[in-house]
Amino acid sequence: MNRIQPLDLGAQPFFLSYRTETKGEHWRMHHAHQGCELLYVYEGAGSITVENKTYPLRPGTLICFQPYQLHKVEVPSSEDGSYIRTNLTFDPRFIESYTEPFPKLRSFLRRLWKGLLAQQVFGLGSDSRLPELLAELDRSRRQWGEGPQDEEGALFLLAILRHLQLYVFPAEDASPSMPEKASGHIEHMMDWIETHYREPFDLSRMAEDCHLSPYHVSHLFKRYAGVTITGYIAARRIREACALLAKTDKQIGDIGREVGSLGTPYFCQMFKNHKGVTPQAYRSMVRRAYEG
């Protein structure tokens, strides 16, 4: 099935489907979430397709999906095996306020939420603490009762994010090894991009606002993010376009102009290069899901 799933968390700060089992049937899901989703696989073998790339799905696999990121999970039926997995989906806007005292963790959350990730599929070793953290979250939530549990849920989500930051994404998170001053510059750059990505990009203006030379801005950003500033901004614009395509009836050309003052042909080509489908095809998948 194709589906853009709305994120209705009710009284809870996240959605957790713990150790769900599918046995004796072919499992196929092609969908996206409004929130960030973590999928951890305990048993089963198949494939996962995200950003036009297909990876093997096997026990110990962790996949991190960003908001509105289409992905396909397929596990063929097996007489002797099961597909057992945990899905944890959360609204990053909720957890962001709780990261205020932890600037490096906040920066990691923003990259997981809005950034360009060099890797999203990970094979975790048997010594990973992630399954234990998910099990503890499941045990605890059963004792919370019916009321809102913002603080309790936030603490667990912070622990999981910290684990991902330290042990799953170490190659991407260069900030802990950077001097404090450089980390501050990176934080300023990320904030600047989030404020200005809808405008035509001007490196000189960004450098001036960040109190650095254009060369220093480009070099430091590439060292931290692993991509150029223009590549990062393009990915951010595409992510915003996906949200607008899913949630609004705005014309394709209007969305291109809104996310970056982009002409329609250029925007459509950029979108297809990133997502493998045209903006209209992406929107059609959403509409078919709701009609079905």
C-alpha atoms as a PDB file:
ATOM      1  CA  MET A   1       0.000   0.000   0.000  1.00  0.00           C
ATOM      2  CA  ASN A   2       1.056   3.614  -0.488  1.00  0.00           C
ATOM      3  CA  ARG A   3       0.381   5.945   2.395  1.00  0.00           C
ATOM      4  CA  ILE A   4       1.388   9.227   3.979  1.00  0.00           C
ATOM      5  CA  GLN A   5       0.461   8.551   7.577  1.00  0.00           C
ATOM      6  CA  PRO A   6      -0.676  11.497   9.719  1.00  0.00           C
ATOM      7  CA  LEU A   7       0.965  11.778  13.097  1.00  0.00           C
ATOM      8  CA  ASP A   8      -1.851  11.652  15.654  1.00  0.00           C
ATOM      9  CA  LEU A   9      -0.137  10.992  18.956  1.00  0.00           C
ATOM     10  CA  GLY A  10      -3.094  11.723  21.208  1.00  0.00           C
ATOM     11  CA  ALA A  11      -1.937  12.223  24.792  1.00  0.00           C
ATOM     12  CA  GLN A  12       1.489  10.693  24.164  1.00  0.00           C
ATOM     13  CA  PRO A  13       4.625  12.343  22.750  1.00  0.00           C
ATOM     14  CA  PHE A  14       5.355   9.391  20.451  1.00  0.00           C
ATOM     15  CA  PHE A  15       3.879   6.293  18.811  1.00  0.00           C
ATOM     16  CA  LEU A  16       5.451   2.942  19.698  1.00  0.00           C
ATOM     17  CA  SER A  17       4.595  -0.390  18.112  1.00  0.00           C
ATOM     18  CA  TYR A  18       6.806  -2.774  20.067  1.00  0.00           C
ATOM     19  CA  ARG A  19       7.904  -6.143  18.666  1.00  0.00           C
ATOM     20  CA  THR A  20       5.057  -6.451  16.175  1.00  0.00           C
ATOM     21  CA  GLU A  21       5.113  -9.863  14.462  1.00  0.00           C
ATOM     22  CA  THR A  22       4.014 -10.857  10.971  1.00  0.00           C
ATOM     23  CA  LYS A  23       4.157 -14.589  10.257  1.00  0.00           C
ATOM     24  CA  GLY A  24       3.398 -16.618   7.170  1.00  0.00           C
ATOM     25  CA  GLU A  25       2.541 -13.739   4.850  1.00  0.00           C
ATOM     26  CA  HIS A  26       4.290 -11.394   2.449  1.00  0.00           C
ATOM     27  CA  TRP A  27       4.768  -7.993   4.106  1.00  0.00           C
ATOM     28  CA  ARG A  28       4.972  -4.891   1.919  1.00  0.00           C
ATOM     29  CA  MET A  29       4.570  -1.279   3.018  1.00  0.00           C
ATOM     30  CA  HIS A  30       5.259   1.826   0.935  1.00  0.00           C
ATOM     31  CA  HIS A  31       4.545   4.888   3.031  1.00  0.00           C
ATOM     32  CA  ALA A  32       5.839   7.930   4.879  1.00  0.00           C
ATOM     33  CA  HIS A  33       5.203   9.598   8.231  1.00  0.00           C
ATOM     34  CA  GLN A  34       4.808  13.191   9.263  1.00  0.00           C
ATOM     35  CA  GLY A  35       7.239  12.499  12.099  1.00  0.00           C
ATOM     36  CA  CYS A  36      10.672  10.942  12.480  1.00  0.00           C
ATOM     37  CA  GLU A  37      10.479   7.148  12.465  1.00  0.00           C
ATOM     38  CA  LEU A  38      12.905   4.545  13.798  1.00  0.00           C
ATOM     39  CA  LEU A  39      12.437   0.965  12.576  1.00  0.00           C
ATOM     40  CA  TYR A  40      14.399  -1.785  14.335  1.00  0.00           C
ATOM     41  CA  VAL A  41      14.294  -5.378  13.049  1.00  0.00           C
ATOM     42  CA  TYR A  42      14.642  -8.391  15.383  1.00  0.00           C
ATOM     43  CA  GLU A  43      13.763 -11.162  12.910  1.00  0.00           C
ATOM     44  CA  GLY A  44      13.074 -11.360   9.189  1.00  0.00           C
ATOM     45  CA  ALA A  45      14.840 -10.902   5.878  1.00  0.00           C
ATOM     46  CA  GLY A  46      13.886  -8.651   2.990  1.00  0.00           C
ATOM     47  CA  SER A  47      14.705  -5.244   1.587  1.00  0.00           C
ATOM     48  CA  ILE A  48      14.275  -1.579   2.418  1.00  0.00           C
ATOM     49  CA  THR A  49      14.188   1.157  -0.230  1.00  0.00           C
ATOM     50  CA  VAL A  50      14.772   4.778   0.748  1.00  0.00           C
ATOM     51  CA  GLU A  51      15.939   7.738  -1.370  1.00  0.00           C
ATOM     52  CA  ASN A  52      16.013   5.535  -4.497  1.00  0.00           C
ATOM     53  CA  LYS A  53      18.480   3.096  -2.916  1.00  0.00           C
ATOM     54  CA  THR A  54      17.698  -0.459  -1.822  1.00  0.00           C
ATOM     55  CA  TYR A  55      19.372  -2.122   1.169  1.00  0.00           C
ATOM     56  CA  PRO A  56      19.097  -5.609   2.676  1.00  0.00           C
ATOM     57  CA  LEU A  57      16.861  -5.890   5.713  1.00  0.00           C
ATOM     58  CA  ARG A  58      17.988  -8.453   8.263  1.00  0.00           C
ATOM     59  CA  PRO A  59      18.032  -8.954  12.047  1.00  0.00           C
ATOM     60  CA  GLY A  60      19.799  -6.109  13.820  1.00  0.00           C
ATOM     61  CA  THR A  61      18.951  -3.543  11.123  1.00  0.00           C
ATOM     62  CA  LEU A  62      18.025  -0.019  12.224  1.00  0.00           C
ATOM     63  CA  ILE A  63      16.524   2.445   9.747  1.00  0.00           C
ATOM     64  CA  CYS A  64      16.017   6.149  10.506  1.00  0.00           C
ATOM     65  CA  PHE A  65      13.363   7.845   8.363  1.00  0.00           C
ATOM     66  CA  GLN A  66      12.890  11.588   8.146  1.00  0.00           C
ATOM     67  CA  PRO A  67       9.488  13.320   7.967  1.00  0.00           C
ATOM     68  CA  TYR A  68       7.641  12.806   4.648  1.00  0.00           C
ATOM     69  CA  GLN A  69      10.378  10.487   3.365  1.00  0.00           C
ATOM     70  CA  LEU A  70       8.846   7.777   1.196  1.00  0.00           C
ATOM     71  CA  HIS A  71      10.196   4.335   1.954  1.00  0.00           C
ATOM     72  CA  LYS A  72       9.309   0.780   1.000  1.00  0.00           C
ATOM     73  CA  VAL A  73       9.760  -2.226   3.270  1.00  0.00           C
ATOM     74  CA  GLU A  74       9.309  -5.681   1.757  1.00  0.00           C
ATOM     75  CA  VAL A  75       9.683  -9.027   3.542  1.00  0.00           C
ATOM     76  CA  PRO A  76       8.775 -12.180   1.564  1.00  0.00           C
ATOM     77  CA  SER A  77       6.688 -14.818   3.305  1.00  0.00           C
ATOM     78  CA  SER A  78       8.524 -17.663   4.981  1.00  0.00           C
ATOM     79  CA  GLU A  79       7.070 -20.831   6.422  1.00  0.00           C
ATOM     80  CA  ASP A  80       9.583 -21.071   9.240  1.00  0.00           C
ATOM     81  CA  GLY A  81      10.244 -17.392   9.933  1.00  0.00           C
ATOM     82  CA  SER A  82       8.599 -14.241  11.179  1.00  0.00           C
ATOM     83  CA  TYR A  83       9.075 -10.549  10.595  1.00  0.00           C
ATOM     84  CA  ILE A  84       9.428  -8.976  14.055  1.00  0.00           C
ATOM     85  CA  ARG A  85      10.077  -5.264  14.400  1.00  0.00           C
ATOM     86  CA  THR A  86       9.615  -2.181  16.549  1.00  0.00           C
ATOM     87  CA  ASN A  87       8.464   1.156  15.129  1.00  0.00           C
ATOM     88  CA  LEU A  88       9.037   4.332  17.120  1.00  0.00           C
ATOM     89  CA  THR A  89       7.622   7.515  15.567  1.00  0.00           C
ATOM     90  CA  PHE A  90       7.817  10.910  17.229  1.00  0.00           C
ATOM     91  CA  ASP A  91       7.145  14.547  16.465  1.00  0.00           C
ATOM     92  CA  PRO A  92      10.552  16.286  16.458  1.00  0.00           C
ATOM     93  CA  ARG A  93       8.889  19.604  17.275  1.00  0.00           C
ATOM     94  CA  PHE A  94       7.841  18.146  20.628  1.00  0.00           C
ATOM     95  CA  ILE A  95      11.258  16.886  21.652  1.00  0.00           C
ATOM     96  CA  GLU A  96      13.196  19.934  20.401  1.00  0.00           C
ATOM     97  CA  SER A  97      12.224  22.079  23.394  1.00  0.00           C
ATOM     98  CA  TYR A  98      13.646  19.441  25.758  1.00  0.00           C
ATOM     99  CA  THR A  99      17.066  19.577  24.030  1.00  0.00           C
ATOM    100  CA  GLU A 100      17.557  23.264  24.890  1.00  0.00           C
ATOM    101  CA  PRO A 101      20.104  22.534  27.684  1.00  0.00           C
ATOM    102  CA  PHE A 102      22.051  20.219  25.337  1.00  0.00           C
ATOM    103  CA  PRO A 103      23.158  22.182  22.238  1.00  0.00           C
ATOM    104  CA  LYS A 104      25.032  19.298  20.586  1.00  0.00           C
ATOM    105  CA  LEU A 105      22.084  16.956  21.044  1.00  0.00           C
ATOM    106  CA  ARG A 106      19.749  19.660  19.700  1.00  0.00           C
ATOM    107  CA  SER A 107      21.977  20.035  16.651  1.00  0.00           C
ATOM    108  CA  PHE A 108      21.881  16.259  16.122  1.00  0.00           C
ATOM    109  CA  LEU A 109      18.076  16.215  16.391  1.00  0.00           C
ATOM    110  CA  ARG A 110      17.770  18.993  13.822  1.00  0.00           C
ATOM    111  CA  ARG A 111      20.015  17.094  11.426  1.00  0.00           C
ATOM    112  CA  LEU A 112      18.003  13.908  11.939  1.00  0.00           C
ATOM    113  CA  TRP A 113      14.828  15.935  11.364  1.00  0.00           C
ATOM    114  CA  LYS A 114      15.710  18.399   8.594  1.00  0.00           C
ATOM    115  CA  GLY A 115      19.255  17.693   7.465  1.00  0.00           C
ATOM    116  CA  LEU A 116      20.857  15.659   4.728  1.00  0.00           C
ATOM    117  CA  LEU A 117      21.855  12.273   6.162  1.00  0.00           C
ATOM    118  CA  ALA A 118      24.752  10.447   4.550  1.00  0.00           C
ATOM    119  CA  GLN A 119      23.510   7.145   6.013  1.00  0.00           C
ATOM    120  CA  GLN A 120      20.095   6.025   7.227  1.00  0.00           C
ATOM    121  CA  VAL A 121      20.369   2.205   7.323  1.00  0.00           C
ATOM    122  CA  PHE A 122      22.610   0.645   9.969  1.00  0.00           C
ATOM    123  CA  GLY A 123      23.531  -2.874  10.946  1.00  0.00           C
ATOM    124  CA  LEU A 124      23.802  -2.872  14.742  1.00  0.00           C
ATOM    125  CA  GLY A 125      25.956  -5.365  16.585  1.00  0.00           C
ATOM    126  CA  SER A 126      24.776  -7.715  19.312  1.00  0.00           C
ATOM    127  CA  ASP A 127      26.219  -5.353  21.946  1.00  0.00           C
ATOM    128  CA  SER A 128      23.936  -2.459  20.937  1.00  0.00           C
ATOM    129  CA  ARG A 129      21.835  -1.044  23.773  1.00  0.00           C
ATOM    130  CA  LEU A 130      19.063   0.122  21.463  1.00  0.00           C
ATOM    131  CA  PRO A 131      16.864  -3.008  21.870  1.00  0.00           C
ATOM    132  CA  GLU A 132      17.197  -2.628  25.650  1.00  0.00           C
ATOM    133  CA  LEU A 133      16.187   1.061  25.481  1.00  0.00           C
ATOM    134  CA  LEU A 134      13.148   0.216  23.349  1.00  0.00           C
ATOM    135  CA  ALA A 135      12.133  -2.572  25.733  1.00  0.00           C
ATOM    136  CA  GLU A 136      12.459  -0.241  28.728  1.00  0.00           C
ATOM    137  CA  LEU A 137      10.357   2.387  26.954  1.00  0.00           C
ATOM    138  CA  ASP A 138       7.654  -0.219  26.275  1.00  0.00           C
ATOM    139  CA  ARG A 139       7.637  -1.441  29.889  1.00  0.00           C
ATOM    140  CA  SER A 140       7.462   2.070  31.279  1.00  0.00           C
ATOM    141  CA  ARG A 141       4.682   3.343  29.034  1.00  0.00           C
ATOM    142  CA  ARG A 142       2.427   0.503  30.202  1.00  0.00           C
ATOM    143  CA  GLN A 143       2.585   1.981  33.702  1.00  0.00           C
ATOM    144  CA  TRP A 144       1.885   5.593  32.736  1.00  0.00           C
ATOM    145  CA  GLY A 145      -1.906   5.448  32.637  1.00  0.00           C
ATOM    146  CA  GLU A 146      -4.167   7.512  30.392  1.00  0.00           C
ATOM    147  CA  GLY A 147      -3.021  11.120  30.972  1.00  0.00           C
ATOM    148  CA  PRO A 148      -0.398  13.104  29.053  1.00  0.00           C
ATOM    149  CA  GLN A 149       3.122  11.869  29.740  1.00  0.00           C
ATOM    150  CA  ASP A 150       5.214  14.577  28.126  1.00  0.00           C
ATOM    151  CA  GLU A 151       8.068  14.590  30.629  1.00  0.00           C
ATOM    152  CA  GLU A 152       8.408  10.813  30.960  1.00  0.00           C
ATOM    153  CA  GLY A 153       8.240  10.320  27.199  1.00  0.00           C
ATOM    154  CA  ALA A 154      10.700  13.125  26.552  1.00  0.00           C
ATOM    155  CA  LEU A 155      13.291  11.609  28.881  1.00  0.00           C
ATOM    156  CA  PHE A 156      13.155   8.278  27.061  1.00  0.00           C
ATOM    157  CA  LEU A 157      13.340   9.945  23.656  1.00  0.00           C
ATOM    158  CA  LEU A 158      16.347  11.996  24.788  1.00  0.00           C
ATOM    159  CA  ALA A 159      18.101   8.805  25.919  1.00  0.00           C
ATOM    160  CA  ILE A 160      17.432   7.126  22.568  1.00  0.00           C
ATOM    161  CA  LEU A 161      18.596  10.185  20.630  1.00  0.00           C
ATOM    162  CA  ARG A 162      21.756  10.353  22.726  1.00  0.00           C
ATOM    163  CA  HIS A 163      22.444   6.689  22.002  1.00  0.00           C
ATOM    164  CA  LEU A 164      22.009   7.290  18.268  1.00  0.00           C
ATOM    165  CA  GLN A 165      24.261  10.346  18.417  1.00  0.00           C
ATOM    166  CA  LEU A 166      27.090   8.577  20.238  1.00  0.00           C
ATOM    167  CA  TYR A 167      26.972   5.013  18.916  1.00  0.00           C
ATOM    168  CA  VAL A 168      25.049   4.893  15.631  1.00  0.00           C
ATOM    169  CA  PHE A 169      25.933   8.146  13.837  1.00  0.00           C
ATOM    170  CA  PRO A 170      29.521   8.698  15.081  1.00  0.00           C
ATOM    171  CA  ALA A 171      30.994   9.326  11.633  1.00  0.00           C
ATOM    172  CA  GLU A 172      28.445  12.038  10.871  1.00  0.00           C
ATOM    173  CA  ASP A 173      28.562  13.826  14.198  1.00  0.00           C
ATOM    174  CA  ALA A 174      31.865  15.651  13.962  1.00  0.00           C
ATOM    175  CA  SER A 175      30.926  18.377  16.447  1.00  0.00           C
ATOM    176  CA  PRO A 176      32.141  16.578  19.624  1.00  0.00           C
ATOM    177  CA  SER A 177      35.694  16.535  18.211  1.00  0.00           C
ATOM    178  CA  MET A 178      35.526  20.153  17.082  1.00  0.00           C
ATOM    179  CA  PRO A 179      36.654  23.035  19.269  1.00  0.00           C
ATOM    180  CA  GLU A 180      33.825  24.743  21.122  1.00  0.00           C
ATOM    181  CA  LYS A 181      34.216  27.837  18.958  1.00  0.00           C
ATOM    182  CA  ALA A 182      33.832  25.812  15.732  1.00  0.00           C
ATOM    183  CA  SER A 183      30.755  24.059  17.124  1.00  0.00           C
ATOM    184  CA  GLY A 184      29.245  27.466  17.831  1.00  0.00           C
ATOM    185  CA  HIS A 185      29.873  28.523  14.241  1.00  0.00           C
ATOM    186  CA  ILE A 186      28.169  25.360  12.980  1.00  0.00           C
ATOM    187  CA  GLU A 187      25.142  26.012  15.179  1.00  0.00           C
ATOM    188  CA  HIS A 188      24.937  29.552  13.792  1.00  0.00           C
ATOM    189  CA  MET A 189      25.187  28.272  10.206  1.00  0.00           C
ATOM    190  CA  MET A 190      22.394  25.737  10.745  1.00  0.00           C
ATOM    191  CA  ASP A 191      20.157  28.386  12.263  1.00  0.00           C
ATOM    192  CA  TRP A 192      20.950  30.733   9.366  1.00  0.00           C
ATOM    193  CA  ILE A 193      20.046  28.091   6.774  1.00  0.00           C
ATOM    194  CA  GLU A 194      16.797  27.246   8.543  1.00  0.00           C
ATOM    195  CA  THR A 195      15.850  30.923   8.471  1.00  0.00           C
ATOM    196  CA  HIS A 196      16.934  31.681   4.892  1.00  0.00           C
ATOM    197  CA  TYR A 197      16.700  28.444   2.842  1.00  0.00           C
ATOM    198  CA  ARG A 198      13.553  29.677   1.062  1.00  0.00           C
ATOM    199  CA  GLU A 199      15.522  32.639  -0.350  1.00  0.00           C
ATOM    200  CA  PRO A 200      18.043  32.598  -3.218  1.00  0.00           C
ATOM    201  CA  PHE A 201      21.319  31.500  -1.630  1.00  0.00           C
ATOM    202  CA  ASP A 202      24.067  34.094  -1.179  1.00  0.00           C
ATOM    203  CA  LEU A 203      27.314  32.737   0.316  1.00  0.00           C
ATOM    204  CA  SER A 204      28.713  36.216   0.944  1.00  0.00           C
ATOM    205  CA  ARG A 205      25.634  37.202   2.922  1.00  0.00           C
ATOM    206  CA  MET A 206      25.755  33.998   4.951  1.00  0.00           C
ATOM    207  CA  ALA A 207      29.451  34.508   5.687  1.00  0.00           C
ATOM    208  CA  GLU A 208      28.887  38.110   6.737  1.00  0.00           C
ATOM    209  CA  ASP A 209      26.007  37.154   9.043  1.00  0.00           C
ATOM    210  CA  CYS A 210      28.107  34.363  10.577  1.00  0.00           C
ATOM    211  CA  HIS A 211      31.157  36.679  10.944  1.00  0.00           C
ATOM    212  CA  LEU A 212      33.385  34.382   8.891  1.00  0.00           C
ATOM    213  CA  SER A 213      34.993  34.456   5.460  1.00  0.00           C
ATOM    214  CA  PRO A 214      33.141  32.696   2.605  1.00  0.00           C
ATOM    215  CA  TYR A 215      35.982  30.175   2.373  1.00  0.00           C
ATOM    216  CA  HIS A 216      35.836  29.418   6.104  1.00  0.00           C
ATOM    217  CA  VAL A 217      32.034  28.997   6.000  1.00  0.00           C
ATOM    218  CA  SER A 218      32.208  26.564   3.051  1.00  0.00           C
ATOM    219  CA  HIS A 219      35.148  24.594   4.465  1.00  0.00           C
ATOM    220  CA  LEU A 220      33.742  24.272   7.992  1.00  0.00           C
ATOM    221  CA  PHE A 221      30.264  23.314   6.811  1.00  0.00           C
ATOM    222  CA  LYS A 222      31.553  20.640   4.414  1.00  0.00           C
ATOM    223  CA  ARG A 223      33.740  19.204   7.174  1.00  0.00           C
ATOM    224  CA  TYR A 224      30.776  19.001   9.528  1.00  0.00           C
ATOM    225  CA  ALA A 225      27.916  17.945   7.236  1.00  0.00           C
ATOM    226  CA  GLY A 226      29.829  16.009   4.585  1.00  0.00           C
ATOM    227  CA  VAL A 227      28.069  17.942   1.800  1.00  0.00           C
ATOM    228  CA  THR A 228      28.270  21.417   0.358  1.00  0.00           C
ATOM    229  CA  ILE A 229      26.033  24.180   1.658  1.00  0.00           C
ATOM    230  CA  THR A 230      24.129  24.282  -1.646  1.00  0.00           C
ATOM    231  CA  GLY A 231      23.591  20.512  -1.518  1.00  0.00           C
ATOM    232  CA  TYR A 232      22.272  20.744   2.018  1.00  0.00           C
ATOM    233  CA  ILE A 233      19.940  23.623   1.129  1.00  0.00           C
ATOM    234  CA  ALA A 234      18.595  21.720  -1.884  1.00  0.00           C
ATOM    235  CA  ALA A 235      17.741  18.744   0.332  1.00  0.00           C
ATOM    236  CA  ARG A 236      16.082  21.034   2.874  1.00  0.00           C
ATOM    237  CA  ARG A 237      13.956  22.622   0.133  1.00  0.00           C
ATOM    238  CA  ILE A 238      12.891  19.192  -1.129  1.00  0.00           C
ATOM    239  CA  ARG A 239      11.879  18.129   2.372  1.00  0.00           C
ATOM    240  CA  GLU A 240       9.730  21.233   2.767  1.00  0.00           C
ATOM    241  CA  ALA A 241       8.228  20.643  -0.681  1.00  0.00           C
ATOM    242  CA  CYS A 242       7.226  17.102   0.347  1.00  0.00           C
ATOM    243  CA  ALA A 243       5.358  18.494   3.342  1.00  0.00           C
ATOM    244  CA  LEU A 244       3.540  21.063   1.187  1.00  0.00           C
ATOM    245  CA  LEU A 245       2.664  18.474  -1.462  1.00  0.00           C
ATOM    246  CA  ALA A 246       1.253  16.167   1.213  1.00  0.00           C
ATOM    247  CA  LYS A 247      -0.649  18.740   3.254  1.00  0.00           C
ATOM    248  CA  THR A 248      -1.829  21.407   0.772  1.00  0.00           C
ATOM    249  CA  ASP A 249      -3.452  21.864  -2.637  1.00  0.00           C
ATOM    250  CA  LYS A 250      -0.931  24.470  -3.754  1.00  0.00           C
ATOM    251  CA  GLN A 251       0.154  24.393  -7.395  1.00  0.00           C
ATOM    252  CA  ILE A 252       3.523  22.792  -8.178  1.00  0.00           C
ATOM    253  CA  GLY A 253       4.923  26.091  -9.434  1.00  0.00           C
ATOM    254  CA  ASP A 254       3.780  27.906  -6.295  1.00  0.00           C
ATOM    255  CA  ILE A 255       5.514  25.321  -4.116  1.00  0.00           C
ATOM    256  CA  GLY A 256       8.748  25.711  -6.084  1.00  0.00           C
ATOM    257  CA  ARG A 257       8.648  29.452  -5.565  1.00  0.00           C
ATOM    258  CA  GLU A 258       7.779  29.085  -1.880  1.00  0.00           C
ATOM    259  CA  VAL A 259      10.601  26.702  -0.983  1.00  0.00           C
ATOM    260  CA  GLY A 260      13.355  28.567  -2.804  1.00  0.00           C
ATOM    261  CA  SER A 261      12.181  31.001  -5.490  1.00  0.00           C
ATOM    262  CA  LEU A 262      12.641  28.161  -8.000  1.00  0.00           C
ATOM    263  CA  GLY A 263      11.207  28.089 -11.505  1.00  0.00           C
ATOM    264  CA  THR A 264       8.811  25.226 -12.167  1.00  0.00           C
ATOM    265  CA  PRO A 265      10.971  23.200 -14.626  1.00  0.00           C
ATOM    266  CA  TYR A 266      14.049  23.487 -12.405  1.00  0.00           C
ATOM    267  CA  PHE A 267      12.088  22.613  -9.268  1.00  0.00           C
ATOM    268  CA  CYS A 268      10.483  19.548 -10.903  1.00  0.00           C
ATOM    269  CA  GLN A 269      13.839  18.279 -12.147  1.00  0.00           C
ATOM    270  CA  MET A 270      15.509  18.837  -8.768  1.00  0.00           C
ATOM    271  CA  PHE A 271      12.651  17.064  -6.990  1.00  0.00           C
ATOM    272  CA  LYS A 272      12.854  14.057  -9.316  1.00  0.00           C
ATOM    273  CA  ASN A 273      16.647  13.871  -8.919  1.00  0.00           C
ATOM    274  CA  HIS A 274      16.255  13.688  -5.160  1.00  0.00           C
ATOM    275  CA  LYS A 275      13.111  11.555  -4.841  1.00  0.00           C
ATOM    276  CA  GLY A 276      12.975   9.505  -8.034  1.00  0.00           C
ATOM    277  CA  VAL A 277       9.455  10.741  -8.831  1.00  0.00           C
ATOM    278  CA  THR A 278       8.026  14.050  -9.992  1.00  0.00           C
ATOM    279  CA  PRO A 279       6.248  16.360  -7.516  1.00  0.00           C
ATOM    280  CA  GLN A 280       2.906  15.486  -9.127  1.00  0.00           C
ATOM    281  CA  ALA A 281       3.592  11.753  -8.864  1.00  0.00           C
ATOM    282  CA  TYR A 282       4.487  12.163  -5.194  1.00  0.00           C
ATOM    283  CA  ARG A 283       1.247  14.057  -4.562  1.00  0.00           C
ATOM    284  CA  SER A 284      -0.773  11.452  -6.485  1.00  0.00           C
ATOM    285  CA  MET A 285       0.562   8.712  -4.231  1.00  0.00           C
ATOM    286  CA  VAL A 286      -0.702  10.680  -1.253  1.00  0.00           C
ATOM    287  CA  ARG A 287      -4.148  11.247  -2.774  1.00  0.00           C
ATOM    288  CA  ARG A 288      -4.572   7.609  -3.791  1.00  0.00           C
ATOM    289  CA  ALA A 289      -3.804   6.558  -0.240  1.00  0.00           C
ATOM    290  CA  TYR A 290      -6.517   8.798   1.210  1.00  0.00           C
ATOM    291  CA  GLU A 291      -9.036   7.797  -1.460  1.00  0.00           C
ATOM    292  CA  GLY A 292      -8.324   4.155  -0.726  1.00  0.00           C
END
